[in-house]
Every structure is written in C-alpha cells, then in structure tokens.
Amino acid sequence: MKRVLMERVHAEQCLLSQTRRKFLTSTFGSVGSLALGSMMGSKLMAATARELDEGLPAGAKPFLTHAPKAKRVIHLCMAGGPSHLETFDYKPTLRKHHKQPMPESLTKGQPIAQLQGRALTAFEPQTTFTKCGKAGIEIADIFPHIQKLADEICVIKSMKTEQINHDPAHTFFNTGTIRPNNPSIGSWLMYGLGSLNQNLPGFVVLTSVGGGQAQPISARQWHNGFLDSKYQGVKLNSVGDPVYYVGSPDGVSNPCQSEVIEAVNQLNQKHSKVVDDPEIASRIAQYELAFRMQMAVPELTDFSDENPKTIESYGCKPGDGSFASNCLLARRLAERGVRFIQLYHRGWDHHGGIKKRIPGAAKLVDQATAALINDLKQRGMLDDTLIIWGGEFGRTPMAQGDGRDHHIKGYSMFLCGGGIKPGITYGNTDDFGYNAQENVVHVRDLHATMLHQLGINHEKMTFKHQGLDARLTGVEHAKVLKELIS
C-alpha cells in the first residue's frame, strides 16, 4: 500500500512539473491562494442565490434564521487607526484644554501604547468640522465628498476594541480573538453562505498605501483558520496582473491544460479514498477554480466597458494601485457575486505630523468612498451591500509630539447600506473623546450586527473545533445593534 501511494504521489508530481508547472504549483502561492477562496458547486450556487432572493427555503442551515437584508459586505479598512478626533468625533473640550494635563480620572491605569511614563497632555482637534445632512452629523472638512453623503451613512462614535497594537488589533477585528488559527470574517461568511459566483473567489482582498506610515498587513488577516482552506481569502494585486500566472504559457491550449488538471484531480480523488483527508477536496477545488479564473479574471479587470464618467467619479486610473482603483474593482467584484470584499488602505498611522498628514490620507480615500456608495446606489445595489468604513482602533486625545498614539477605549466608524439606518449617529465618547460611554459598541457587537444583516444568527453559526462550538463572536456576550437596523 505504501508503495502504491508513493507511486501516486510521484505521478502527480510529474504532471505538475510539466509546462503548466508555474500555473498549477502557484495554486499554493498566488493563483493558489485563489482557489482557497470559494469554489462551490453550481447547484449549491443556485441554491444560495435563491436563499438570498426569495428568503429561506426549507432545510436551510440552522444559523440562517431570517431573511437577509444584505447579500455582501465591503469592508473599507483604514489600516493604521484613523483618529476619530480628526474625522467623525469633534470635541471642543479638547480645544479648550489644549496643552493642559489630561484628567487622571480618565487616564490613570489605562492601557497606552507608546506614551508610557510621559506627561499626558490634551491635544486639540487638528481639523475643522461641519454639521452635515438633515441630522447635522459632524464630519471633518477633510472629507468633502463623504460630507455630501451624510444622509446615507450611520456614524458609530462609541466603538471599543481590546488590542492596542496594530497587528493584534487587526487580528481581533478580523477574527474576534487574538488566538492563532481562527477564521477571518470573510472565511466565516464563505462557510455560512458560500459564493454567488463559481468562477471567482468569494472572499477577495485588495491593498493600497499612502498618507501616513504604512503598517504591514499580514496574510493571516484573511486566513481560513480551522475552517477548510477553500474558505481562505484571496489577495489580488492592485497593480499589473491581478493574479500571477493567470494566463496559459505559450504553446499550451485550454484543452491540454484541462487534461492535465483532470488527471491531477483523478489522482487526488484516488488519494482521498485512501487517506480520507478533506483538504484533498479543497485541492481539487483549487485547480478547478484557478482554471475557470483564467477567463473570469481578465473580464473582471477589463474596464473598457466602464462609463468614463463613472471612472472619473472615482478619481482614478483603473489598475493604478490606488484605493480609488480598488474601490472601482470592488464594485465590479460585488456585481459578480463576491461575498466579502476587503480593501485595506495602509496610511492612517499618525504618531506625528497629524495636522499635515491626515488631510493627505483623507484625500486618497474620500472621493472614492463616496463614489463607491453613489455607484452602488445608482445600480440598485446599496440596499443589499453592507459597507463598513473604519480602522482597527482610534487615536489618543493626548498628544504624542504633534501626533496621536493608539487608542482602544473609544473611536469612530461608519456603516452604509445593507439595511442600516441612514443619516444617523450612534453612541458617543466623553467630552475628551477618551472613553466610549453612551451606547458602547464592542467589535463583537459589530460582527453580530453584520451577520444579522446577512440572515445569520451569530450565536448559532458555529464550527466544531477541538471539542468546542467555535464562532466569530466568541463565547462572551455580543449583541445585535437593533437600533441601527432600518
């Protein structure tokens, strides 16, 4: 038996070493991570579409407890921690107490990232604000385009998280914990809902930089954790070919390539009967999805069918690697049934020079964010697309030179579309912008609300892992923010 298995493995390796070597072996790298995205059978795809469009059919998964209001999520992650005090949470008290000691009643014994042992002084807002929309939502003037959409967004001013440094904070936001090997949000959604497009991954990540210190983003932020690897997120390149080796090598026809993939899959199927490893099924899916993507990806990134005025509204040159270009691509991904789209803009870490640098970061995302919202609305997609805008944490009311340190006790984000009430604010921080004190929203509450809008009961969507029923929102109490739901 051992010799037979060795022969099978050797045969598979021989096939992989042929002219498709770069393409097929890269399934575990660039195109490879692709497949780890969401290969589903066509019947399941159709069933998922019916669930979304017609409500829940008989026999639906037990955690799908109600008809969803959202089909997909676009997470616009302002990586680095945008200051709530210069964006959506204006605090005149900080201006009044500028350069004066912060009240010890707020700061004593509280977690601080880089200001340990230093004098903590109040630092006035470094931007101006305008009351916008029917409700008079205060939005910083560095966001002139978002200001015009005040009646479309829901600003949460009382966010709270648990990790005070960048990578752990991203991990906590994406997985609900800092423990290793836990699935990211998109992986949970793929496990729970699947994809609506069998030719593209259902969980896609794009990154851009500019405006501030560009903190690195680890690939574990879109990892599948203990879920099957087919649920892993797929990072597409923002510049150049979105996927490496997506084209066939010279001299290799589609029928020839298909024969190689079929042969490899047959070997994998035989191997699976022997070892009964569920990951082999994911490997088979990898090859099949990667092959189908050779036609789907070029069409996805061919912007010739886009109205020039639409491109102009985003303020980009498609494929230039900017956040704006990624927003345009996000809309195209959403149109094609991608379930979870995550855009990281790495430019919001302002430990110094915040007055000079935060307008630059805002300029890189403001117009495109507004264009994405308007574009989705014009296409009738905003109602069933939940947009989440914000970072891993906020910034301190205390000065760090002419910047601000990391802050986890209170900060701002905004939601839009997907059945969320538009044109409102929710929650508040104290007069100094230090503690969330009114309608406090924990990261897990945001997760629970997002799942609810997708038709999922967050307490019931579990996966058995190491004898426990693991879930995105953990075992601690998380609440659906029903006040935000229209």
Protein backbone atom coordinates (compact mmCIF):
# COMPACT_ATOMS: atom_id res chain seq x y z
CA MET A 1 0.00 0.00 0.00
CA LYS A 2 2.80 2.40 0.89
CA ARG A 3 4.49 1.76 -2.47
CA VAL A 4 1.21 2.39 -4.33
CA LEU A 5 0.73 5.69 -2.54
CA MET A 6 4.28 6.72 -3.31
CA GLU A 7 3.73 5.94 -6.98
CA ARG A 8 0.58 8.04 -7.00
CA VAL A 9 2.34 10.96 -5.37
CA HIS A 10 5.24 10.61 -7.81
CA ALA A 11 2.85 10.57 -10.78
CA GLU A 12 1.16 13.70 -9.52
CA GLN A 13 4.48 15.46 -9.09
CA CYS A 14 5.49 14.53 -12.61
CA LEU A 15 2.35 16.06 -14.02
CA LEU A 16 2.90 19.22 -12.03
CA SER A 17 6.40 19.57 -13.41
CA GLN A 18 5.20 19.93 -17.00
CA THR A 19 4.61 23.15 -18.91
CA ARG A 20 1.82 24.18 -16.53
CA ARG A 21 4.21 23.97 -13.61
CA LYS A 22 4.18 27.67 -12.80
CA PHE A 23 0.44 27.92 -13.04
CA LEU A 24 -0.54 24.79 -11.17
CA THR A 25 2.06 24.88 -8.43
CA SER A 26 1.29 28.53 -7.85
CA THR A 27 -2.09 27.31 -6.64
CA PHE A 28 -0.39 27.23 -3.27
CA GLY A 29 1.01 30.73 -3.80
CA SER A 30 -0.57 33.49 -5.88
CA VAL A 31 -3.20 31.83 -8.08
CA GLY A 32 -3.10 29.24 -5.42
CA SER A 33 -4.47 31.32 -2.76
CA LEU A 34 -7.13 31.94 -5.26
CA ALA A 35 -8.69 28.67 -5.01
CA LEU A 36 -8.60 28.83 -1.34
CA GLY A 37 -11.30 31.37 -1.95
CA SER A 38 -14.66 29.79 -2.65
CA MET A 39 -15.21 27.02 -5.06
CA MET A 40 -18.78 25.81 -4.77
CA GLY A 41 -20.75 23.50 -7.00
CA SER A 42 -23.17 25.11 -9.43
CA LYS A 43 -26.20 23.58 -7.74
CA LEU A 44 -25.17 25.00 -4.39
CA MET A 45 -24.51 28.37 -6.02
CA ALA A 46 -28.02 28.43 -7.44
CA ALA A 47 -29.48 27.38 -4.11
CA THR A 48 -27.58 30.14 -2.33
CA ALA A 49 -28.85 32.70 -4.81
CA ARG A 50 -32.42 31.52 -4.23
CA GLU A 51 -31.96 31.79 -0.46
CA LEU A 52 -30.89 35.38 -0.83
CA ASP A 53 -33.50 36.42 -3.36
CA GLU A 54 -36.53 34.50 -2.12
CA GLY A 55 -35.97 34.16 1.62
CA LEU A 56 -35.00 30.99 3.43
CA PRO A 57 -36.05 27.67 1.89
CA ALA A 58 -36.90 24.53 3.82
CA GLY A 59 -33.80 22.77 5.07
CA ALA A 60 -31.71 25.94 5.33
CA LYS A 61 -28.76 25.83 7.68
CA PRO A 62 -29.84 26.23 11.31
CA PHE A 63 -27.99 29.53 11.74
CA LEU A 64 -29.88 31.12 8.82
CA THR A 65 -32.79 32.26 10.95
CA HIS A 66 -34.32 35.13 8.99
CA ALA A 67 -34.42 36.68 5.55
CA PRO A 68 -31.27 38.72 4.94
CA LYS A 69 -31.20 42.40 4.11
CA ALA A 70 -27.63 42.25 2.76
CA LYS A 71 -26.08 39.89 0.23
CA ARG A 72 -22.49 41.03 0.54
CA VAL A 73 -20.09 43.10 2.63
CA ILE A 74 -17.45 45.61 1.52
CA HIS A 75 -15.04 46.41 4.34
CA LEU A 76 -13.06 49.60 3.73
CA CYS A 77 -10.31 49.20 6.32
CA MET A 78 -8.39 52.37 7.12
CA ALA A 79 -5.34 50.50 8.36
CA GLY A 80 -3.22 52.30 10.93
CA GLY A 81 -6.00 53.67 13.10
CA PRO A 82 -7.65 56.87 11.85
CA SER A 83 -8.12 59.46 14.58
CA HIS A 84 -11.78 59.79 15.48
CA LEU A 85 -10.92 63.24 16.82
CA GLU A 86 -9.99 64.49 13.33
CA THR A 87 -12.69 62.61 11.40
CA PHE A 88 -16.12 61.97 13.00
CA ASP A 89 -15.95 62.91 16.69
CA TYR A 90 -15.48 66.63 17.21
CA LYS A 91 -14.53 67.56 20.79
CA PRO A 92 -14.44 71.29 21.58
CA THR A 93 -13.40 70.39 25.14
CA LEU A 94 -10.05 69.25 23.78
CA ARG A 95 -9.57 72.63 22.16
CA LYS A 96 -10.43 74.34 25.43
CA HIS A 97 -7.90 72.21 27.37
CA HIS A 98 -5.19 72.17 24.69
CA LYS A 99 -1.73 71.50 26.17
CA GLN A 100 -3.19 71.10 29.65
CA PRO A 101 -2.79 67.83 31.62
CA MET A 102 -5.39 65.18 30.86
CA PRO A 103 -7.67 64.32 33.82
CA GLU A 104 -6.16 61.40 35.74
CA SER A 105 -9.67 60.11 36.30
CA LEU A 106 -9.63 59.17 32.61
CA THR A 107 -6.06 58.06 32.06
CA LYS A 108 -4.74 56.54 35.29
CA GLY A 109 -4.07 52.82 34.95
CA GLN A 110 -5.42 52.73 31.39
CA PRO A 111 -3.61 50.89 28.54
CA ILE A 112 -1.32 53.12 26.46
CA ALA A 113 0.81 52.02 23.53
CA GLN A 114 3.80 54.38 23.33
CA LEU A 115 3.11 57.12 25.88
CA GLN A 116 4.03 55.13 28.96
CA GLY A 117 5.82 57.26 31.54
CA ARG A 118 5.21 60.51 29.68
CA ALA A 119 3.20 63.55 30.64
CA LEU A 120 -0.27 63.20 29.14
CA THR A 121 -1.50 66.49 27.73
CA ALA A 122 -4.68 67.29 25.84
CA PHE A 123 -4.25 67.83 22.10
CA GLU A 124 -6.86 69.92 20.30
CA PRO A 125 -8.55 68.73 17.08
CA GLN A 126 -6.28 69.30 14.10
CA THR A 127 -9.10 69.57 11.55
CA THR A 128 -12.27 71.61 11.28
CA PHE A 129 -15.75 70.11 11.22
CA THR A 130 -19.07 70.89 9.54
CA LYS A 131 -22.56 69.77 10.52
CA CYS A 132 -23.87 67.82 7.54
CA GLY A 133 -27.14 66.33 6.37
CA LYS A 134 -30.60 66.55 7.86
CA ALA A 135 -29.38 65.35 11.26
CA GLY A 136 -26.40 67.71 11.40
CA ILE A 137 -23.79 64.94 11.62
CA GLU A 138 -20.40 66.46 12.40
CA ILE A 139 -17.93 65.34 9.73
CA ALA A 140 -14.41 66.68 9.29
CA ASP A 141 -13.84 69.02 6.37
CA ILE A 142 -11.07 66.74 5.11
CA PHE A 143 -13.96 64.58 3.78
CA PRO A 144 -15.87 66.94 1.44
CA HIS A 145 -17.29 64.07 -0.62
CA ILE A 146 -18.38 61.97 2.35
CA GLN A 147 -19.93 65.09 3.89
CA LYS A 148 -22.34 65.19 0.94
CA LEU A 149 -23.46 61.65 1.82
CA ALA A 150 -24.23 62.35 5.47
CA ASP A 151 -27.83 61.26 4.89
CA GLU A 152 -26.62 57.87 3.60
CA ILE A 153 -24.30 56.82 6.41
CA CYS A 154 -24.58 55.73 10.04
CA VAL A 155 -21.70 57.02 12.16
CA ILE A 156 -20.86 54.95 15.24
CA LYS A 157 -18.97 57.16 17.69
CA SER A 158 -18.65 54.66 20.55
CA MET A 159 -16.56 51.78 19.18
CA LYS A 160 -14.38 49.84 21.58
CA THR A 161 -11.80 47.14 20.97
CA GLU A 162 -9.32 45.12 23.05
CA GLN A 163 -5.90 45.19 21.36
CA ILE A 164 -3.74 48.30 21.39
CA ASN A 165 -1.11 47.44 18.77
CA HIS A 166 -1.72 47.24 15.04
CA ASP A 167 -1.36 43.60 14.10
CA PRO A 168 -3.18 42.19 17.16
CA ALA A 169 -5.90 44.81 16.71
CA HIS A 170 -6.40 43.84 13.05
CA THR A 171 -6.43 40.18 14.08
CA PHE A 172 -9.01 40.89 16.76
CA PHE A 173 -11.23 42.83 14.37
CA ASN A 174 -10.94 40.19 11.66
CA THR A 175 -11.33 37.07 13.78
CA GLY A 176 -12.91 38.17 17.07
CA THR A 177 -9.88 36.94 19.01
CA ILE A 178 -6.08 37.18 19.06
CA ARG A 179 -5.66 33.43 19.43
CA PRO A 180 -3.93 31.89 16.41
CA ASN A 181 -5.65 29.71 13.81
CA ASN A 182 -9.04 31.38 13.92
CA PRO A 183 -11.02 32.11 10.75
CA SER A 184 -11.37 35.65 9.46
CA ILE A 185 -14.72 37.34 8.90
CA GLY A 186 -14.77 36.57 5.18
CA SER A 187 -13.96 32.91 5.80
CA TRP A 188 -16.86 32.65 8.24
CA LEU A 189 -19.17 34.17 5.63
CA MET A 190 -17.96 31.75 2.98
CA TYR A 191 -18.53 28.86 5.37
CA GLY A 192 -22.01 30.13 6.22
CA LEU A 193 -23.27 31.46 2.90
CA GLY A 194 -20.96 30.38 0.09
CA SER A 195 -20.38 32.47 -3.01
CA LEU A 196 -22.69 33.65 -5.77
CA ASN A 197 -20.04 33.19 -8.47
CA GLN A 198 -18.31 29.89 -9.12
CA ASN A 199 -15.68 31.49 -11.38
CA LEU A 200 -14.25 33.93 -8.83
CA PRO A 201 -13.25 33.61 -5.17
CA GLY A 202 -15.99 34.59 -2.77
CA PHE A 203 -13.60 36.43 -0.43
CA VAL A 204 -11.22 38.94 -2.02
CA VAL A 205 -8.66 41.33 -0.52
CA LEU A 206 -7.03 44.40 -2.08
CA THR A 207 -4.48 46.78 -0.55
CA SER A 208 -3.24 50.32 -1.19
CA VAL A 209 -0.89 52.75 0.57
CA GLY A 210 -0.43 56.47 1.14
CA GLY A 211 -0.99 59.34 3.55
CA GLY A 212 0.89 58.09 6.58
CA GLN A 213 3.11 55.36 7.93
CA ALA A 214 2.20 52.20 6.01
CA GLN A 215 1.94 49.44 8.58
CA PRO A 216 2.27 45.95 7.05
CA ILE A 217 -0.81 43.75 6.80
CA SER A 218 -0.22 40.07 7.45
CA ALA A 219 -1.84 37.42 5.25
CA ARG A 220 -3.26 35.80 8.37
CA GLN A 221 -5.81 38.64 8.39
CA TRP A 222 -7.69 36.78 5.64
CA HIS A 223 -6.82 33.25 6.72
CA ASN A 224 -9.34 30.42 6.93
CA GLY A 225 -8.04 29.28 10.32
CA PHE A 226 -9.53 25.93 11.33
CA LEU A 227 -12.13 26.05 8.54
CA ASP A 228 -11.47 24.26 5.25
CA SER A 229 -8.84 26.02 3.17
CA LYS A 230 -11.34 26.65 0.38
CA TYR A 231 -12.74 29.43 2.59
CA GLN A 232 -9.49 31.40 2.71
CA GLY A 233 -9.43 34.94 1.36
CA VAL A 234 -7.64 35.72 -1.88
CA LYS A 235 -5.41 38.76 -2.21
CA LEU A 236 -5.47 40.24 -5.69
CA ASN A 237 -2.68 42.52 -6.91
CA SER A 238 -3.69 46.17 -7.17
CA VAL A 239 -1.12 46.89 -9.90
CA GLY A 240 -0.38 44.87 -13.01
CA ASP A 241 -1.80 41.38 -13.39
CA PRO A 242 -4.30 40.86 -10.56
CA VAL A 243 -3.24 37.22 -10.41
CA TYR A 244 0.16 35.77 -11.27
CA TYR A 245 0.25 33.08 -13.97
CA VAL A 246 -3.41 33.57 -14.78
CA GLY A 247 -2.65 33.15 -18.48
CA SER A 248 -1.61 29.93 -20.17
CA PRO A 249 2.06 29.54 -21.18
CA ASP A 250 2.89 29.72 -24.86
CA GLY A 251 2.02 26.53 -26.64
CA VAL A 252 -0.43 25.28 -24.02
CA SER A 253 -4.04 25.20 -25.18
CA ASN A 254 -7.06 25.18 -22.92
CA PRO A 255 -7.94 21.56 -23.81
CA CYS A 256 -4.37 20.48 -22.99
CA GLN A 257 -4.42 22.31 -19.70
CA SER A 258 -7.83 20.87 -18.89
CA GLU A 259 -6.50 17.37 -19.45
CA VAL A 260 -3.64 17.97 -17.02
CA ILE A 261 -5.99 19.31 -14.37
CA GLU A 262 -8.36 16.40 -14.88
CA ALA A 263 -5.51 13.92 -14.50
CA VAL A 264 -4.26 15.61 -11.32
CA ASN A 265 -7.76 15.66 -9.88
CA GLN A 266 -8.24 11.97 -10.64
CA LEU A 267 -5.05 11.21 -8.72
CA ASN A 268 -6.23 13.39 -5.86
CA GLN A 269 -9.57 11.60 -5.80
CA LYS A 270 -7.85 8.24 -5.63
CA HIS A 271 -5.61 9.50 -2.86
CA SER A 272 -8.62 10.86 -0.98
CA LYS A 273 -10.26 7.42 -0.93
CA VAL A 274 -7.18 6.09 0.83
CA VAL A 275 -6.40 8.81 3.37
CA ASP A 276 -9.84 10.45 3.72
CA ASP A 277 -8.36 13.95 4.06
CA PRO A 278 -10.97 16.71 3.49
CA GLU A 279 -8.23 19.07 2.35
CA ILE A 280 -7.81 16.98 -0.79
CA ALA A 281 -11.28 18.10 -1.86
CA SER A 282 -10.11 21.67 -1.37
CA ARG A 283 -7.04 20.94 -3.51
CA ILE A 284 -9.27 19.63 -6.29
CA ALA A 285 -11.37 22.78 -6.00
CA GLN A 286 -8.21 24.86 -6.25
CA TYR A 287 -7.29 23.52 -9.64
CA GLU A 288 -10.80 23.81 -10.99
CA LEU A 289 -11.36 27.36 -9.77
CA ALA A 290 -7.94 28.51 -10.95
CA PHE A 291 -8.71 27.14 -14.41
CA ARG A 292 -12.06 28.92 -14.56
CA MET A 293 -10.47 32.14 -13.35
CA GLN A 294 -8.34 32.28 -16.47
CA MET A 295 -11.44 33.54 -18.25
CA ALA A 296 -13.17 35.34 -15.36
CA VAL A 297 -10.26 37.47 -14.12
CA PRO A 298 -9.36 39.15 -17.43
CA GLU A 299 -13.03 40.07 -17.90
CA LEU A 300 -13.19 41.38 -14.33
CA THR A 301 -10.24 43.72 -14.88
CA ASP A 302 -11.17 44.84 -18.38
CA PHE A 303 -12.51 48.33 -17.69
CA SER A 304 -13.29 49.12 -21.32
CA ASP A 305 -16.98 48.64 -20.60
CA GLU A 306 -16.96 51.25 -17.83
CA ASN A 307 -18.53 54.63 -18.49
CA PRO A 308 -15.70 57.24 -18.49
CA LYS A 309 -17.82 59.41 -16.21
CA THR A 310 -18.01 56.56 -13.70
CA ILE A 311 -14.23 56.17 -13.71
CA GLU A 312 -13.88 59.93 -13.34
CA SER A 313 -16.19 59.89 -10.32
CA TYR A 314 -13.78 57.55 -8.53
CA GLY A 315 -10.83 59.78 -9.42
CA CYS A 316 -8.51 57.04 -10.59
CA LYS A 317 -6.82 55.36 -13.47
CA PRO A 318 -8.06 51.75 -13.32
CA GLY A 319 -5.30 49.43 -12.21
CA ASP A 320 -3.05 52.17 -10.83
CA GLY A 321 -2.85 50.55 -7.40
CA SER A 322 -4.74 53.32 -5.64
CA PHE A 323 -7.53 52.95 -3.11
CA ALA A 324 -9.78 54.60 -5.69
CA SER A 325 -9.00 51.96 -8.30
CA ASN A 326 -9.58 49.26 -5.71
CA CYS A 327 -12.99 50.77 -4.90
CA LEU A 328 -13.96 50.59 -8.57
CA LEU A 329 -12.78 46.99 -8.71
CA ALA A 330 -14.71 46.27 -5.50
CA ARG A 331 -17.92 47.37 -7.20
CA ARG A 332 -17.17 45.06 -10.13
CA LEU A 333 -16.47 42.19 -7.73
CA ALA A 334 -19.73 42.89 -5.91
CA GLU A 335 -21.63 42.84 -9.19
CA ARG A 336 -20.17 39.41 -9.93
CA GLY A 337 -21.31 37.84 -6.69
CA VAL A 338 -18.22 38.09 -4.49
CA ARG A 339 -19.47 37.77 -0.93
CA PHE A 340 -16.84 39.61 1.14
CA ILE A 341 -14.55 42.30 -0.28
CA GLN A 342 -11.91 43.81 1.94
CA LEU A 343 -9.93 46.92 0.98
CA TYR A 344 -7.00 47.87 3.20
CA HIS A 345 -5.64 51.40 2.82
CA ARG A 346 -2.36 51.47 4.72
CA GLY A 347 -1.86 55.15 5.51
CA TRP A 348 -3.57 56.11 8.77
CA ASP A 349 -0.81 55.70 11.35
CA HIS A 350 -0.19 59.27 12.51
CA HIS A 351 2.08 59.29 15.56
CA GLY A 352 3.45 62.60 14.35
CA GLY A 353 2.58 65.42 11.98
CA ILE A 354 -1.11 64.62 12.08
CA LYS A 355 -2.25 68.11 11.10
CA LYS A 356 -0.21 67.99 7.91
CA ARG A 357 -0.60 64.32 7.04
CA ILE A 358 -4.18 63.33 7.83
CA PRO A 359 -5.64 65.55 5.07
CA GLY A 360 -3.45 63.64 2.60
CA ALA A 361 -4.71 60.28 3.85
CA ALA A 362 -8.28 61.52 3.71
CA LYS A 363 -7.88 62.83 0.17
CA LEU A 364 -6.79 59.40 -1.03
CA VAL A 365 -10.00 57.73 0.21
CA ASP A 366 -12.70 60.41 0.42
CA GLN A 367 -13.75 60.74 -3.21
CA ALA A 368 -13.54 57.03 -3.94
CA THR A 369 -15.52 56.05 -0.86
CA ALA A 370 -18.29 58.44 -1.84
CA ALA A 371 -18.13 57.29 -5.47
CA LEU A 372 -18.49 53.66 -4.42
CA ILE A 373 -21.57 54.46 -2.33
CA ASN A 374 -23.14 56.51 -5.13
CA ASP A 375 -22.25 53.93 -7.76
CA LEU A 376 -23.84 51.11 -5.79
CA LYS A 377 -26.93 53.22 -5.13
CA GLN A 378 -27.35 54.10 -8.80
CA ARG A 379 -27.14 50.42 -9.71
CA GLY A 380 -29.69 49.41 -7.08
CA MET A 381 -27.06 47.53 -5.07
CA LEU A 382 -26.59 49.70 -1.98
CA ASP A 383 -29.67 48.32 -0.25
CA ASP A 384 -28.17 44.81 -0.19
CA THR A 385 -24.50 45.76 0.20
CA LEU A 386 -23.23 46.50 3.70
CA ILE A 387 -20.29 48.92 3.71
CA ILE A 388 -18.08 49.14 6.80
CA TRP A 389 -15.60 52.06 6.99
CA GLY A 390 -13.02 52.39 9.75
CA GLY A 391 -9.77 51.22 11.28
CA GLU A 392 -8.52 48.78 13.88
CA PHE A 393 -8.68 51.44 16.63
CA GLY A 394 -8.64 55.22 17.10
CA ARG A 395 -6.07 57.72 18.40
CA THR A 396 -5.47 59.24 21.83
CA PRO A 397 -6.85 62.61 22.93
CA MET A 398 -3.35 63.08 24.37
CA ALA A 399 -0.54 64.48 22.28
CA GLN A 400 2.36 62.37 21.08
CA GLY A 401 4.50 65.25 19.93
CA ASP A 402 2.38 66.66 17.11
CA GLY A 403 0.59 63.35 16.59
CA ARG A 404 -1.53 60.85 18.50
CA ASP A 405 -0.90 57.38 19.96
CA HIS A 406 -3.06 54.25 19.57
CA HIS A 407 -6.38 54.27 21.40
CA ILE A 408 -8.88 51.46 22.05
CA LYS A 409 -11.34 52.85 24.60
CA GLY A 410 -13.46 54.87 22.17
CA TYR A 411 -13.33 55.62 18.44
CA SER A 412 -15.49 56.02 15.33
CA MET A 413 -16.54 54.01 12.28
CA PHE A 414 -19.41 54.32 9.84
CA LEU A 415 -21.78 51.87 8.18
CA CYS A 416 -23.76 52.33 5.00
CA GLY A 417 -26.33 50.32 3.06
CA GLY A 418 -27.27 46.73 3.80
CA GLY A 419 -30.40 47.61 5.76
CA ILE A 420 -28.65 50.03 8.15
CA LYS A 421 -30.47 53.23 9.11
CA PRO A 422 -29.02 56.12 7.12
CA GLY A 423 -28.31 59.66 8.28
CA ILE A 424 -27.80 58.97 12.00
CA THR A 425 -25.11 58.84 14.64
CA TYR A 426 -25.00 56.22 17.35
CA GLY A 427 -23.25 56.36 20.68
CA ASN A 428 -20.75 58.87 21.99
CA THR A 429 -17.48 59.28 23.83
CA ASP A 430 -16.85 61.53 26.83
CA ASP A 431 -16.02 65.21 26.42
CA PHE A 432 -12.35 64.41 25.81
CA GLY A 433 -13.02 61.61 23.31
CA TYR A 434 -11.36 59.10 25.63
CA ASN A 435 -13.98 56.58 26.74
CA ALA A 436 -16.98 55.31 24.82
CA GLN A 437 -19.73 55.99 27.33
CA GLU A 438 -23.08 56.08 25.51
CA ASN A 439 -24.36 53.01 23.63
CA VAL A 440 -20.93 51.38 23.69
CA VAL A 441 -20.28 49.16 20.66
CA HIS A 442 -17.77 46.36 21.05
CA VAL A 443 -16.17 44.87 17.95
CA ARG A 444 -18.13 41.67 18.58
CA ASP A 445 -21.38 43.67 18.55
CA LEU A 446 -20.44 44.93 15.10
CA HIS A 447 -19.78 41.34 13.99
CA ALA A 448 -23.13 40.18 15.38
CA THR A 449 -24.94 43.01 13.59
CA MET A 450 -23.18 42.32 10.30
CA LEU A 451 -24.13 38.63 10.48
CA HIS A 452 -27.69 39.54 11.37
CA GLN A 453 -28.00 41.68 8.24
CA LEU A 454 -26.85 38.67 6.23
CA GLY A 455 -29.59 36.50 7.72
CA ILE A 456 -27.33 34.74 10.24
CA ASN A 457 -27.89 34.26 13.94
CA HIS A 458 -24.38 34.82 15.27
CA GLU A 459 -24.94 32.51 18.25
CA LYS A 460 -25.93 29.61 16.02
CA MET A 461 -23.24 29.88 13.33
CA THR A 462 -20.68 27.56 14.89
CA PHE A 463 -17.99 25.14 13.83
CA LYS A 464 -16.84 22.24 15.98
CA HIS A 465 -13.15 22.79 16.76
CA GLN A 466 -11.17 21.00 19.44
CA GLY A 467 -14.38 19.87 21.08
CA LEU A 468 -15.89 23.35 21.24
CA ASP A 469 -18.53 25.12 19.18
CA ALA A 470 -16.38 27.98 17.90
CA ARG A 471 -17.99 31.10 16.46
CA LEU A 472 -16.94 34.52 15.17
CA THR A 473 -18.48 36.38 18.10
CA GLY A 474 -16.92 34.09 20.71
CA VAL A 475 -18.44 32.94 23.97
CA GLU A 476 -18.72 36.38 25.53
CA HIS A 477 -21.91 38.35 25.14
CA ALA A 478 -22.33 40.09 21.80
CA LYS A 479 -25.47 41.97 20.85
CA VAL A 480 -27.13 42.85 17.58
CA LEU A 481 -27.42 46.64 17.35
CA LYS A 482 -31.12 46.67 16.52
CA GLU A 483 -31.26 50.47 16.87
CA LEU A 484 -29.17 50.71 13.71
CA ILE A 485 -31.37 48.46 11.58
CA SER A 486 -33.93 50.04 9.31
